[in-house]
C-alpha atoms as a PDB file:
ATOM      1  CA  UNK A   1      23.387  -7.410   6.775  1.00  0.00           C
ATOM      2  CA  UNK A   2      20.444  -7.653   9.375  1.00  0.00           C
ATOM      3  CA  UNK A   3      19.170 -10.621  11.375  1.00  0.00           C
ATOM      4  CA  UNK A   4      16.125 -10.851   9.270  1.00  0.00           C
ATOM      5  CA  UNK A   5      18.058 -10.626   6.431  1.00  0.00           C
ATOM      6  CA  UNK A   6      19.938 -14.025   6.768  1.00  0.00           C
ATOM      7  CA  UNK A   7      16.511 -15.208   8.795  1.00  0.00           C
ATOM      8  CA  UNK A   8      14.780 -14.721   5.303  1.00  0.00           C
ATOM      9  CA  UNK A   9      17.512 -14.685   2.887  1.00  0.00           C
ATOM     10  CA  UNK A  10      16.190 -11.554   1.517  1.00  0.00           C
ATOM     11  CA  UNK A  11      17.187 -10.634  -2.060  1.00  0.00           C
ATOM     12  CA  UNK A  12      16.210  -7.241  -3.907  1.00  0.00           C
ATOM     13  CA  UNK A  13      16.123  -5.631  -7.480  1.00  0.00           C
ATOM     14  CA  UNK A  14      14.018  -3.975  -9.686  1.00  0.00           C
ATOM     15  CA  UNK A  15      11.137  -5.516 -12.094  1.00  0.00           C
ATOM     16  CA  UNK A  16      10.409  -4.622 -15.606  1.00  0.00           C
ATOM     17  CA  UNK A  17      10.308  -0.770 -15.382  1.00  0.00           C
ATOM     18  CA  UNK A  18      12.757  -0.184 -12.933  1.00  0.00           C
ATOM     19  CA  UNK A  19       9.813  -1.587 -10.020  1.00  0.00           C
ATOM     20  CA  UNK A  20      11.838  -1.834  -6.737  1.00  0.00           C
ATOM     21  CA  UNK A  21      11.654  -4.932  -4.982  1.00  0.00           C
ATOM     22  CA  UNK A  22      12.706  -6.840  -1.651  1.00  0.00           C
ATOM     23  CA  UNK A  23      12.140 -10.575  -1.862  1.00  0.00           C
ATOM     24  CA  UNK A  24      12.443 -12.880   1.075  1.00  0.00           C
ATOM     25  CA  UNK A  25      10.379 -16.084   2.433  1.00  0.00           C
ATOM     26  CA  UNK A  26       9.431 -19.787   0.777  1.00  0.00           C
ATOM     27  CA  UNK A  27       6.289 -20.725  -1.501  1.00  0.00           C
ATOM     28  CA  UNK A  28       3.999 -19.349  -3.581  1.00  0.00           C
ATOM     29  CA  UNK A  29       4.542 -15.805  -4.646  1.00  0.00           C
ATOM     30  CA  UNK A  30       2.599 -13.039  -2.788  1.00  0.00           C
ATOM     31  CA  UNK A  31       2.818  -9.199  -4.817  1.00  0.00           C
ATOM     32  CA  UNK A  32       2.462  -7.268  -1.719  1.00  0.00           C
ATOM     33  CA  UNK A  33       2.151  -3.416  -3.499  1.00  0.00           C
ATOM     34  CA  UNK A  34       3.563  -0.947  -0.604  1.00  0.00           C
ATOM     35  CA  UNK A  35       1.682   1.741   1.409  1.00  0.00           C
ATOM     36  CA  UNK A  36       1.980   4.831   0.574  1.00  0.00           C
ATOM     37  CA  UNK A  37       6.330   6.197   1.370  1.00  0.00           C
ATOM     38  CA  UNK A  38       7.207   9.497  -0.722  1.00  0.00           C
ATOM     39  CA  UNK A  39      10.433   7.435  -2.166  1.00  0.00           C
ATOM     40  CA  UNK A  40       9.938   5.101  -5.251  1.00  0.00           C
ATOM     41  CA  UNK A  41      12.276   2.436  -3.922  1.00  0.00           C
ATOM     42  CA  UNK A  42      13.354   0.064  -1.692  1.00  0.00           C
ATOM     43  CA  UNK A  43      13.655   0.677   1.825  1.00  0.00           C
ATOM     44  CA  UNK A  44      16.502   0.994   3.973  1.00  0.00           C
ATOM     45  CA  UNK A  45      17.876   0.482   7.752  1.00  0.00           C
ATOM     46  CA  UNK A  46      15.006   0.868  10.988  1.00  0.00           C
ATOM     47  CA  UNK A  47      12.201   0.827   8.183  1.00  0.00           C
ATOM     48  CA  UNK A  48      13.142  -1.938   6.047  1.00  0.00           C
ATOM     49  CA  UNK A  49      13.814  -4.446   9.381  1.00  0.00           C
ATOM     50  CA  UNK A  50       9.689  -2.780  10.268  1.00  0.00           C
ATOM     51  CA  UNK A  51       8.407  -3.568   6.571  1.00  0.00           C
ATOM     52  CA  UNK A  52       9.992  -6.905   7.236  1.00  0.00           C
ATOM     53  CA  UNK A  53       8.587  -7.991  10.737  1.00  0.00           C
ATOM     54  CA  UNK A  54       5.561  -6.117   9.364  1.00  0.00           C
ATOM     55  CA  UNK A  55       5.022  -9.370   6.586  1.00  0.00           C
ATOM     56  CA  UNK A  56       7.344 -11.805   8.401  1.00  0.00           C
ATOM     57  CA  UNK A  57       4.133 -14.183   9.261  1.00  0.00           C
ATOM     58  CA  UNK A  58       3.383 -14.354   6.081  1.00  0.00           C
ATOM     59  CA  UNK A  59       6.449 -14.672   4.682  1.00  0.00           C
ATOM     60  CA  UNK A  60       6.715 -17.768   6.548  1.00  0.00           C
ATOM     61  CA  UNK A  61       3.480 -19.433   3.900  1.00  0.00           C
ATOM     62  CA  UNK A  62       4.917 -17.808   0.696  1.00  0.00           C
ATOM     63  CA  UNK A  63       7.475 -15.642  -0.907  1.00  0.00           C
ATOM     64  CA  UNK A  64       6.816 -12.299  -0.250  1.00  0.00           C
ATOM     65  CA  UNK A  65       7.517  -9.779  -3.262  1.00  0.00           C
ATOM     66  CA  UNK A  66       7.313  -6.098  -1.475  1.00  0.00           C
ATOM     67  CA  UNK A  67       6.977  -3.627  -4.659  1.00  0.00           C
ATOM     68  CA  UNK A  68       7.337  -0.180  -4.462  1.00  0.00           C
ATOM     69  CA  UNK A  69       6.560   2.652  -7.560  1.00  0.00           C
ATOM     70  CA  UNK A  70       8.404   2.693 -10.232  1.00  0.00           C
ATOM     71  CA  UNK A  71      11.068   5.962  -9.714  1.00  0.00           C
ATOM     72  CA  UNK A  72      11.299   8.757 -11.949  1.00  0.00           C
ATOM     73  CA  UNK A  73       7.141   8.956 -12.414  1.00  0.00           C
ATOM     74  CA  UNK A  74       6.295  12.113 -14.911  1.00  0.00           C
ATOM     75  CA  UNK A  75       3.989  14.522 -13.775  1.00  0.00           C
ATOM     76  CA  UNK A  76       0.194  14.307 -15.005  1.00  0.00           C
ATOM     77  CA  UNK A  77       0.729   9.622 -14.549  1.00  0.00           C
ATOM     78  CA  UNK A  78      -2.532   8.203 -14.230  1.00  0.00           C
ATOM     79  CA  UNK A  79      -3.454   5.551 -11.661  1.00  0.00           C
ATOM     80  CA  UNK A  80      -4.194   3.767 -15.031  1.00  0.00           C
ATOM     81  CA  UNK A  81      -0.735   4.243 -16.080  1.00  0.00           C
ATOM     82  CA  UNK A  82       0.225   3.097 -12.898  1.00  0.00           C
ATOM     83  CA  UNK A  83      -1.600  -0.162 -13.089  1.00  0.00           C
ATOM     84  CA  UNK A  84      -0.241  -0.741 -16.783  1.00  0.00           C
ATOM     85  CA  UNK A  85       3.516  -1.183 -15.254  1.00  0.00           C
ATOM     86  CA  UNK A  86       2.928  -3.330 -12.898  1.00  0.00           C
ATOM     87  CA  UNK A  87       0.798  -5.490 -14.492  1.00  0.00           C
ATOM     88  CA  UNK A  88       3.922  -5.278 -17.416  1.00  0.00           C
ATOM     89  CA  UNK A  89       6.565  -6.491 -14.369  1.00  0.00           C
ATOM     90  CA  UNK A  90       4.417  -9.105 -13.329  1.00  0.00           C
ATOM     91  CA  UNK A  91       3.839 -10.805 -16.458  1.00  0.00           C
ATOM     92  CA  UNK A  92       7.729 -10.725 -16.950  1.00  0.00           C
ATOM     93  CA  UNK A  93       8.933 -11.568 -13.800  1.00  0.00           C
ATOM     94  CA  UNK A  94       5.662 -14.188 -13.224  1.00  0.00           C
ATOM     95  CA  UNK A  95       4.119 -15.484 -15.965  1.00  0.00           C
ATOM     96  CA  UNK A  96       0.454 -15.727 -15.045  1.00  0.00           C
ATOM     97  CA  UNK A  97      -1.746 -14.468 -12.361  1.00  0.00           C
ATOM     98  CA  UNK A  98      -0.245 -13.703  -9.055  1.00  0.00           C
ATOM     99  CA  UNK A  99      -1.998 -12.812  -5.408  1.00  0.00           C
ATOM    100  CA  UNK A 100      -1.896  -9.552  -4.844  1.00  0.00           C
ATOM    101  CA  UNK A 101      -1.734  -7.785  -1.237  1.00  0.00           C
ATOM    102  CA  UNK A 102      -2.264  -3.629  -1.779  1.00  0.00           C
ATOM    103  CA  UNK A 103      -2.247  -1.525   1.781  1.00  0.00           C
ATOM    104  CA  UNK A 104      -3.327   1.884   2.044  1.00  0.00           C
ATOM    105  CA  UNK A 105      -2.025   3.569  -0.848  1.00  0.00           C
ATOM    106  CA  UNK A 106      -0.306   0.156  -2.734  1.00  0.00           C
ATOM    107  CA  UNK A 107      -3.927  -0.874  -1.776  1.00  0.00           C
ATOM    108  CA  UNK A 108      -5.474   2.081  -4.459  1.00  0.00           C
ATOM    109  CA  UNK A 109      -2.800   0.381  -6.726  1.00  0.00           C
ATOM    110  CA  UNK A 110      -3.499  -3.280  -5.892  1.00  0.00           C
ATOM    111  CA  UNK A 111      -7.543  -1.911  -7.266  1.00  0.00           C
ATOM    112  CA  UNK A 112      -7.091  -0.035 -10.423  1.00  0.00           C
ATOM    113  CA  UNK A 113      -4.621  -3.993 -11.360  1.00  0.00           C
ATOM    114  CA  UNK A 114      -7.801  -6.269 -11.038  1.00  0.00           C
ATOM    115  CA  UNK A 115     -10.152  -3.796 -12.429  1.00  0.00           C
ATOM    116  CA  UNK A 116      -7.742  -3.005 -15.652  1.00  0.00           C
ATOM    117  CA  UNK A 117      -5.470  -6.291 -15.954  1.00  0.00           C
ATOM    118  CA  UNK A 118      -8.003  -8.820 -14.677  1.00  0.00           C
ATOM    119  CA  UNK A 119      -5.701 -11.477 -16.268  1.00  0.00           C
ATOM    120  CA  UNK A 120      -2.513 -10.342 -13.520  1.00  0.00           C
ATOM    121  CA  UNK A 121      -4.648 -11.396 -10.014  1.00  0.00           C
ATOM    122  CA  UNK A 122      -4.808 -14.453  -9.044  1.00  0.00           C
ATOM    123  CA  UNK A 123      -6.529 -13.172  -5.585  1.00  0.00           C
ATOM    124  CA  UNK A 124      -7.104 -10.138  -3.730  1.00  0.00           C
ATOM    125  CA  UNK A 125      -6.158  -8.607  -0.634  1.00  0.00           C
ATOM    126  CA  UNK A 126      -6.908  -5.018  -0.129  1.00  0.00           C
ATOM    127  CA  UNK A 127      -6.243  -3.658   3.221  1.00  0.00           C
ATOM    128  CA  UNK A 128      -6.173  -0.018   4.853  1.00  0.00           C
ATOM    129  CA  UNK A 129      -7.895   0.531   1.401  1.00  0.00           C
ATOM    130  CA  UNK A 130     -10.536   1.782  -0.608  1.00  0.00           C
ATOM    131  CA  UNK A 131     -12.542   2.702  -3.970  1.00  0.00           C
ATOM    132  CA  UNK A 132     -11.291   5.738  -3.044  1.00  0.00           C
ATOM    133  CA  UNK A 133      -9.642   8.445  -0.683  1.00  0.00           C
ATOM    134  CA  UNK A 134     -11.598  10.224   2.284  1.00  0.00           C
ATOM    135  CA  UNK A 135     -11.727  13.810   1.576  1.00  0.00           C
ATOM    136  CA  UNK A 136      -9.373  14.292   4.802  1.00  0.00           C
ATOM    137  CA  UNK A 137      -6.847  11.602   3.610  1.00  0.00           C
ATOM    138  CA  UNK A 138      -6.600  13.365   0.004  1.00  0.00           C
ATOM    139  CA  UNK A 139      -5.784  16.960   1.843  1.00  0.00           C
ATOM    140  CA  UNK A 140      -3.073  15.585   3.907  1.00  0.00           C
ATOM    141  CA  UNK A 141      -1.350  14.109   1.249  1.00  0.00           C
ATOM    142  CA  UNK A 142      -1.298  16.897  -1.070  1.00  0.00           C
ATOM    143  CA  UNK A 143      -0.568  19.463   1.362  1.00  0.00           C
ATOM    144  CA  UNK A 144       2.803  17.464   2.454  1.00  0.00           C
ATOM    145  CA  UNK A 145       3.632  16.345  -1.284  1.00  0.00           C
ATOM    146  CA  UNK A 146       2.943  19.683  -2.325  1.00  0.00           C
ATOM    147  CA  UNK A 147       5.055  21.127   0.909  1.00  0.00           C
ATOM    148  CA  UNK A 148       8.159  18.582  -0.034  1.00  0.00           C
ATOM    149  CA  UNK A 149       8.338  19.753  -3.456  1.00  0.00           C
ATOM    150  CA  UNK A 150       8.711  23.266  -2.560  1.00  0.00           C
ATOM    151  CA  UNK A 151      11.469  22.025  -0.120  1.00  0.00           C
ATOM    152  CA  UNK A 152       9.208  23.339   3.018  1.00  0.00           C
ATOM    153  CA  UNK A 153       8.301  20.909   6.502  1.00  0.00           C
ATOM    154  CA  UNK A 154       5.821  18.678   5.329  1.00  0.00           C
ATOM    155  CA  UNK A 155       5.501  15.592   7.971  1.00  0.00           C
ATOM    156  CA  UNK A 156       3.240  17.504   9.837  1.00  0.00           C
ATOM    157  CA  UNK A 157       0.456  17.568   7.489  1.00  0.00           C
ATOM    158  CA  UNK A 158       0.031  13.402   7.670  1.00  0.00           C
ATOM    159  CA  UNK A 159      -0.631  13.431  11.359  1.00  0.00           C
ATOM    160  CA  UNK A 160      -3.426  12.492  12.992  1.00  0.00           C
ATOM    161  CA  UNK A 161      -6.119  15.451  13.385  1.00  0.00           C
ATOM    162  CA  UNK A 162      -7.188  15.681  17.035  1.00  0.00           C
ATOM    163  CA  UNK A 163      -6.870  18.483  19.904  1.00  0.00           C
ATOM    164  CA  UNK A 164      -5.769  15.380  22.258  1.00  0.00           C
ATOM    165  CA  UNK A 165      -2.650  15.888  24.091  1.00  0.00           C
ATOM    166  CA  UNK A 166      -1.408  12.801  22.090  1.00  0.00           C
ATOM    167  CA  UNK A 167      -1.375  13.465  18.694  1.00  0.00           C
ATOM    168  CA  UNK A 168      -0.892  17.218  19.154  1.00  0.00           C
ATOM    169  CA  UNK A 169       2.573  15.635  20.816  1.00  0.00           C
ATOM    170  CA  UNK A 170       2.922  13.773  17.481  1.00  0.00           C
ATOM    171  CA  UNK A 171       2.402  16.715  15.348  1.00  0.00           C
ATOM    172  CA  UNK A 172       4.673  18.846  16.614  1.00  0.00           C
ATOM    173  CA  UNK A 173       7.442  15.498  16.996  1.00  0.00           C
ATOM    174  CA  UNK A 174       6.723  14.572  13.188  1.00  0.00           C
ATOM    175  CA  UNK A 175       7.584  18.874  12.595  1.00  0.00           C
ATOM    176  CA  UNK A 176      11.366  18.464  13.804  1.00  0.00           C
ATOM    177  CA  UNK A 177      12.023  15.503  12.136  1.00  0.00           C
ATOM    178  CA  UNK A 178      10.938  16.435   8.658  1.00  0.00           C
ATOM    179  CA  UNK A 179      14.498  17.508   7.711  1.00  0.00           C
ATOM    180  CA  UNK A 180      15.663  14.203   8.297  1.00  0.00           C
ATOM    181  CA  UNK A 181      12.929  12.791   6.530  1.00  0.00           C
ATOM    182  CA  UNK A 182      12.446  14.380   3.246  1.00  0.00           C
ATOM    183  CA  UNK A 183      11.724  12.620   0.204  1.00  0.00           C
ATOM    184  CA  UNK A 184      14.920  11.967  -2.359  1.00  0.00           C
ATOM    185  CA  UNK A 185      12.798  12.905  -5.520  1.00  0.00           C
ATOM    186  CA  UNK A 186       9.881  14.866  -4.223  1.00  0.00           C
ATOM    187  CA  UNK A 187       8.589  14.889  -7.792  1.00  0.00           C
ATOM    188  CA  UNK A 188       7.828  11.051  -7.470  1.00  0.00           C
ATOM    189  CA  UNK A 189       6.019  11.908  -4.162  1.00  0.00           C
ATOM    190  CA  UNK A 190       4.016  14.819  -6.147  1.00  0.00           C
ATOM    191  CA  UNK A 191       3.388  12.597  -9.169  1.00  0.00           C
ATOM    192  CA  UNK A 192       1.900   9.639  -7.197  1.00  0.00           C
ATOM    193  CA  UNK A 193      -0.166  11.407  -5.064  1.00  0.00           C
ATOM    194  CA  UNK A 194      -1.657  13.856  -7.953  1.00  0.00           C
ATOM    195  CA  UNK A 195      -2.475  10.662  -9.501  1.00  0.00           C
ATOM    196  CA  UNK A 196      -4.017   8.446  -6.270  1.00  0.00           C
ATOM    197  CA  UNK A 197      -5.892  11.739  -5.452  1.00  0.00           C
ATOM    198  CA  UNK A 198      -7.764  11.407  -9.100  1.00  0.00           C
ATOM    199  CA  UNK A 199      -8.721   8.042  -8.174  1.00  0.00           C
ATOM    200  CA  UNK A 200     -11.988   6.895  -7.685  1.00  0.00           C
ATOM    201  CA  UNK A 201     -13.381   2.906  -8.777  1.00  0.00           C
ATOM    202  CA  UNK A 202     -17.081   4.308  -7.343  1.00  0.00           C
ATOM    203  CA  UNK A 203     -18.535   2.596 -11.051  1.00  0.00           C
ATOM    204  CA  UNK A 204     -16.357  -0.267 -11.389  1.00  0.00           C
ATOM    205  CA  UNK A 205     -15.679  -2.275  -8.642  1.00  0.00           C
ATOM    206  CA  UNK A 206     -18.424  -4.324 -10.452  1.00  0.00           C
ATOM    207  CA  UNK A 207     -15.217  -5.474 -12.520  1.00  0.00           C
ATOM    208  CA  UNK A 208     -12.624  -6.743 -10.719  1.00  0.00           C
ATOM    209  CA  UNK A 209     -12.711 -10.703 -11.674  1.00  0.00           C
ATOM    210  CA  UNK A 210     -10.868 -12.064  -8.567  1.00  0.00           C
ATOM    211  CA  UNK A 211     -12.165 -13.388  -5.265  1.00  0.00           C
ATOM    212  CA  UNK A 212     -11.176  -9.997  -3.041  1.00  0.00           C
ATOM    213  CA  UNK A 213     -11.113  -9.415   0.749  1.00  0.00           C
ATOM    214  CA  UNK A 214     -11.104  -6.168   2.058  1.00  0.00           C
ATOM    215  CA  UNK A 215      -9.788  -5.735   5.147  1.00  0.00           C
ATOM    216  CA  UNK A 216     -10.419  -2.248   7.584  1.00  0.00           C
ATOM    217  CA  UNK A 217     -10.300  -1.286  10.854  1.00  0.00           C
ATOM    218  CA  UNK A 218     -12.797   0.594  12.941  1.00  0.00           C
ATOM    219  CA  UNK A 219     -11.107   3.512  13.985  1.00  0.00           C
ATOM    220  CA  UNK A 220      -9.485   4.167  10.706  1.00  0.00           C
ATOM    221  CA  UNK A 221      -7.989   7.647  10.138  1.00  0.00           C
ATOM    222  CA  UNK A 222      -7.916   7.825   6.951  1.00  0.00           C
ATOM    223  CA  UNK A 223     -10.566   5.239   5.700  1.00  0.00           C
ATOM    224  CA  UNK A 224     -14.237   4.965   7.107  1.00  0.00           C
ATOM    225  CA  UNK A 225     -16.468   2.129   7.583  1.00  0.00           C
ATOM    226  CA  UNK A 226     -18.932   3.199   4.693  1.00  0.00           C
ATOM    227  CA  UNK A 227     -15.825   3.016   2.374  1.00  0.00           C
ATOM    228  CA  UNK A 228     -14.676  -0.402   3.618  1.00  0.00           C
ATOM    229  CA  UNK A 229     -18.086  -1.854   2.883  1.00  0.00           C
ATOM    230  CA  UNK A 230     -19.094   0.530  -0.014  1.00  0.00           C
ATOM    231  CA  UNK A 231     -15.696  -0.841  -1.401  1.00  0.00           C
ATOM    232  CA  UNK A 232     -16.749  -4.586  -0.633  1.00  0.00           C
ATOM    233  CA  UNK A 233     -20.085  -4.743  -1.687  1.00  0.00           C
ATOM    234  CA  UNK A 234     -19.318  -3.627  -4.803  1.00  0.00           C
ATOM    235  CA  UNK A 235     -17.279  -6.609  -5.993  1.00  0.00           C
ATOM    236  CA  UNK A 236     -18.998  -9.341  -6.595  1.00  0.00           C
ATOM    237  CA  UNK A 237     -16.888 -12.155  -5.159  1.00  0.00           C
ATOM    238  CA  UNK A 238     -15.604 -10.512  -1.707  1.00  0.00           C
ATOM    239  CA  UNK A 239     -15.667 -10.714   1.640  1.00  0.00           C
ATOM    240  CA  UNK A 240     -14.916  -8.169   4.334  1.00  0.00           C
ATOM    241  CA  UNK A 241     -12.774  -7.635   7.578  1.00  0.00           C
ATOM    242  CA  UNK A 242     -13.315  -4.584  10.195  1.00  0.00           C
ATOM    243  CA  UNK A 243     -11.092  -5.351  13.012  1.00  0.00           C
ATOM    244  CA  UNK A 244     -12.851  -3.413  16.189  1.00  0.00           C
ATOM    245  CA  UNK A 245     -11.261  -1.026  17.832  1.00  0.00           C
ATOM    246  CA  UNK A 246      -8.126  -0.730  15.145  1.00  0.00           C
ATOM    247  CA  UNK A 247      -6.866   1.941  13.419  1.00  0.00           C
ATOM    248  CA  UNK A 248      -4.874   2.292  10.034  1.00  0.00           C
ATOM    249  CA  UNK A 249      -1.818   0.686  11.397  1.00  0.00           C
ATOM    250  CA  UNK A 250      -3.298  -1.406  13.472  1.00  0.00           C
ATOM    251  CA  UNK A 251      -5.490  -3.146  11.314  1.00  0.00           C
ATOM    252  CA  UNK A 252      -1.751  -4.624   9.632  1.00  0.00           C
ATOM    253  CA  UNK A 253      -0.900  -5.200  12.593  1.00  0.00           C
ATOM    254  CA  UNK A 254      -3.716  -6.897  14.635  1.00  0.00           C
ATOM    255  CA  UNK A 255      -3.476  -9.978  15.495  1.00  0.00           C
ATOM    256  CA  UNK A 256      -5.286 -11.307  13.517  1.00  0.00           C
ATOM    257  CA  UNK A 257      -4.337 -10.184  10.284  1.00  0.00           C
ATOM    258  CA  UNK A 258      -1.686 -12.255   8.881  1.00  0.00           C
ATOM    259  CA  UNK A 259      -3.577 -15.306   9.387  1.00  0.00           C
ATOM    260  CA  UNK A 260      -6.811 -13.793   7.794  1.00  0.00           C
ATOM    261  CA  UNK A 261      -4.741 -13.160   4.216  1.00  0.00           C
ATOM    262  CA  UNK A 262      -3.180 -16.289   4.395  1.00  0.00           C
ATOM    263  CA  UNK A 263      -6.213 -18.589   5.400  1.00  0.00           C
ATOM    264  CA  UNK A 264      -8.081 -16.426   2.121  1.00  0.00           C
ATOM    265  CA  UNK A 265      -5.254 -17.038  -0.307  1.00  0.00           C
ATOM    266  CA  UNK A 266      -4.794 -20.145   0.266  1.00  0.00           C
ATOM    267  CA  UNK A 267      -9.038 -20.828   0.271  1.00  0.00           C
ATOM    268  CA  UNK A 268      -8.790 -20.952  -3.453  1.00  0.00           C
END
C-alpha cells in the first residue's frame, strides 16, 4: 500500500458490467473516465500512483471515481455500446446524474454518454479530447492496437511525429520498452480502438443537454485547437479553455486544470 492509498483512503472494485474503478477523496461524486489505456483494468504500481497524483487536487473537493472500460470487449463494439454500459453502471451505483470528467479517450466516451444518456450527466468536462479523433491519432492508435494484437512491437506507434532529436529518442525508447508494457489482453485494446476510430459526433453535439467545459492545449499533439473549438461551439451550454503552449499531457497537468474543473463543476 502506497502513501497515496493511505492519504486518500483509496478503494477499488467494479461497477455493473465489470467496469473497473478506483475511488478516492471526499465530497460529491466525480466520475473520471480514464484516458487511453491498453488494459481495461485498474492501473497498478507507478501508473496507479501517477493517476492519483494527477487527480489529487480534485480529490480534495470531490469523491473521484476513476473508471475504465469493461474487460472482455467484443470485436464490433461501438462507442454507443460503451456509453450504454457506462450509463447503466452509473445509474446502478449513483441512482441519478453525476458530474463526469472525460480525458483523452475518456472524453470520447463522455461525449457519447452525454449525447445518448443525458439523464446520466449533471455537468460534463471534456479535456484533451474532441468530437472525433484527428486523422493522425486514428492512424497511430490503430497501428498500435493492430501491432499489439499481432504480437509485434507496438508502443512506438504512439510516439510524437517530429524530426526533433528529443522525439526521435523517445520513439526509440518506446520501441525498446514495448516488451515490458504490452497489453494483457490485446483484443480489448483493438476492440476499443476500432470503436473510437468510428467515433464522430459532429452532427449530434447539439443534443448534449449538460453544461459542458471543454479544455485543450494549444499544442496538443493529437487534437487541433479547431477540433476543441468545434466541439465547444456545437454544444449549447458550453465553455472553452485553451491553455497556451500546452500539449496533450501538459493540458491535464496544467497548474490551472484542477481549479478550472472544480470551479466549473461547483458553479451549478
